[in-house]
Structures are given as C-alpha cells and as structure tokens.
Amino acid sequence: MTRLTAISLACLGAAALAIPALAIAADAPAKLTDEQVAKGRQLFADNSCGACHALADGNGGGGIGPSLDNNTQLTHDLIVNRVTNGSGPMPAFGGSIPDPDIDLLARYVLQVKK
C-alpha cells in the first residue's frame, strides 16, 4: 500500500466516523428562543398542564400524571401523541390546541425539564 493510499483510507475512515455525529446533530431539535420558551410556558399554564404534571419551569406541581422533570422516557413524538390523543386519565387536546402549539409545547417540555 502506498503512503497516499493509506492517507486516503485514513481520511475516508475519519469522514465515515463524522457522518453519524452530524446525523445526530441534525436530528436534535433546535434550541428554543427565549420568546418560544415563554410561549411554551404560557401554553403549559393556559391548558392547566401543571394541575396534573410536575414541571419546575412551568410551576407545575400536580401529582396525577407523570412528572415531566427528570423523565428520561419523554420524546417529542410521545408528548405530541399524548397531548393530541390523550391516554388514560389524560384528556385529548387535539383540535382545541393548534398543532403548531402542541409541537411548541412538546419542545418546551423537552428543553426545560430538569
């Protein structure tokens, strides 16, 4: 193997290792602006989410539903699904909260949960 071939293969290997890291970063939701966080917090309050769910940033202290703080099982899709369709004692808010607001609420919860 020539030195040039070895260098080329090393560069290709390094590039291949970088691709998954870039893909992960691309899938990560963009950090919310201060204005978006404020709107998410307001949505949490306006829809009485804190009556059932604990979320320190949203002043939620409810003990009926699962705590949103320290909840490692939460994903964007799970939150959107639960808020939209409900589950068990959780009512469905699809149709009463616009889809873009449900998306923002999910992103807010994921960003601020401790």
Protein backbone atom coordinates (compact mmCIF):
# COMPACT_ATOMS: atom_id res chain seq x y z
CA MET A 1 0.00 0.00 0.00
CA THR A 2 1.39 3.38 -0.91
CA ARG A 3 1.57 6.19 1.54
CA LEU A 4 -1.02 8.15 -0.48
CA THR A 5 -3.44 5.21 -0.36
CA ALA A 6 -3.00 4.88 3.40
CA ILE A 7 -3.65 8.59 3.89
CA SER A 8 -6.73 8.43 1.63
CA LEU A 9 -8.13 5.47 3.56
CA ALA A 10 -7.46 7.21 6.87
CA CYS A 11 -9.30 10.30 5.66
CA LEU A 12 -12.24 8.22 4.45
CA GLY A 13 -12.40 6.48 7.82
CA ALA A 14 -12.39 9.79 9.65
CA ALA A 15 -15.13 11.12 7.37
CA ALA A 16 -17.21 8.00 7.92
CA LEU A 17 -16.92 8.48 11.68
CA ALA A 18 -18.02 12.11 11.39
CA ILE A 19 -21.17 11.33 9.41
CA PRO A 20 -23.11 9.70 12.29
CA ALA A 21 -22.23 12.61 14.58
CA LEU A 22 -23.57 15.07 12.00
CA ALA A 23 -26.73 12.99 11.55
CA ILE A 24 -27.36 13.01 15.29
CA ALA A 25 -26.87 16.76 15.47
CA ALA A 26 -29.25 17.26 12.53
CA ASP A 27 -31.96 15.23 14.30
CA ALA A 28 -31.67 17.20 17.53
CA PRO A 29 -34.38 19.84 17.82
CA ALA A 30 -33.17 23.41 17.63
CA LYS A 31 -32.93 25.18 20.95
CA LEU A 32 -35.95 27.37 21.59
CA THR A 33 -35.57 31.12 21.75
CA ASP A 34 -36.46 32.97 24.94
CA GLU A 35 -39.72 34.04 23.29
CA GLN A 36 -40.58 30.45 22.37
CA VAL A 37 -39.82 29.26 25.91
CA ALA A 38 -42.11 31.97 27.27
CA LYS A 39 -44.87 30.93 24.87
CA GLY A 40 -44.38 27.24 25.79
CA ARG A 41 -44.57 28.13 29.47
CA GLN A 42 -47.78 30.10 28.79
CA LEU A 43 -49.29 27.16 26.87
CA PHE A 44 -48.42 24.88 29.81
CA ALA A 45 -50.18 27.29 32.19
CA ASP A 46 -53.16 28.13 29.96
CA ASN A 47 -54.01 24.47 29.45
CA SER A 48 -53.63 23.60 33.15
CA CYS A 49 -50.88 21.06 32.46
CA GLY A 50 -49.37 21.80 35.88
CA ALA A 51 -52.53 20.67 37.63
CA CYS A 52 -51.56 17.09 36.77
CA HIS A 53 -47.86 17.21 35.85
CA ALA A 54 -44.82 18.38 37.80
CA LEU A 55 -42.57 20.66 35.77
CA ALA A 56 -40.49 23.13 37.78
CA ASP A 57 -40.10 25.67 34.98
CA GLY A 58 -43.85 25.72 34.38
CA ASN A 59 -44.72 25.89 38.10
CA GLY A 60 -46.43 22.53 37.71
CA GLY A 61 -46.78 20.54 40.88
CA GLY A 62 -49.53 18.09 40.01
CA GLY A 63 -49.24 14.50 41.14
CA ILE A 64 -51.90 12.89 38.98
CA GLY A 65 -49.87 12.46 35.79
CA PRO A 66 -46.22 11.57 35.50
CA SER A 67 -43.62 14.14 36.46
CA LEU A 68 -42.11 15.75 33.40
CA ASP A 69 -38.94 16.75 35.24
CA ASN A 70 -36.25 14.06 35.27
CA ASN A 71 -38.33 11.92 32.92
CA THR A 72 -35.89 10.21 30.57
CA GLN A 73 -38.65 8.43 28.65
CA LEU A 74 -40.06 11.61 27.12
CA THR A 75 -39.63 12.15 23.40
CA HIS A 76 -41.06 14.80 21.15
CA ASP A 77 -43.31 12.27 19.40
CA LEU A 78 -44.56 10.80 22.68
CA ILE A 79 -45.50 14.21 24.08
CA VAL A 80 -47.21 15.27 20.84
CA ASN A 81 -49.15 11.99 20.74
CA ARG A 82 -50.29 12.22 24.38
CA VAL A 83 -51.30 15.87 24.15
CA THR A 84 -53.11 15.32 20.86
CA ASN A 85 -54.82 11.99 21.60
CA GLY A 86 -54.79 11.68 25.38
CA SER A 87 -54.13 8.45 27.26
CA GLY A 88 -55.82 7.03 30.34
CA PRO A 89 -56.82 9.98 32.53
CA MET A 90 -55.00 12.41 30.21
CA PRO A 91 -57.57 14.21 28.05
CA ALA A 92 -57.02 14.74 24.33
CA PHE A 93 -56.24 18.32 23.35
CA GLY A 94 -56.08 17.72 19.60
CA GLY A 95 -58.49 20.12 17.95
CA SER A 96 -58.54 22.50 20.91
CA ILE A 97 -54.81 23.30 20.84
CA PRO A 98 -53.49 24.02 17.32
CA ASP A 99 -50.86 21.54 16.07
CA PRO A 100 -48.06 24.14 15.95
CA ASP A 101 -48.74 24.97 19.61
CA ILE A 102 -48.69 21.27 20.56
CA ASP A 103 -45.34 20.98 18.79
CA LEU A 104 -44.02 24.03 20.68
CA LEU A 105 -45.35 22.68 23.98
CA ALA A 106 -43.53 19.37 23.40
CA ARG A 107 -40.30 21.16 22.50
CA TYR A 108 -40.68 23.40 25.56
CA VAL A 109 -41.13 20.47 27.94
CA LEU A 110 -38.13 18.67 26.49
CA GLN A 111 -35.93 21.75 26.78
CA VAL A 112 -36.82 22.82 30.33
CA LYS A 113 -37.32 19.53 32.15
CA LYS A 114 -34.61 19.11 34.75
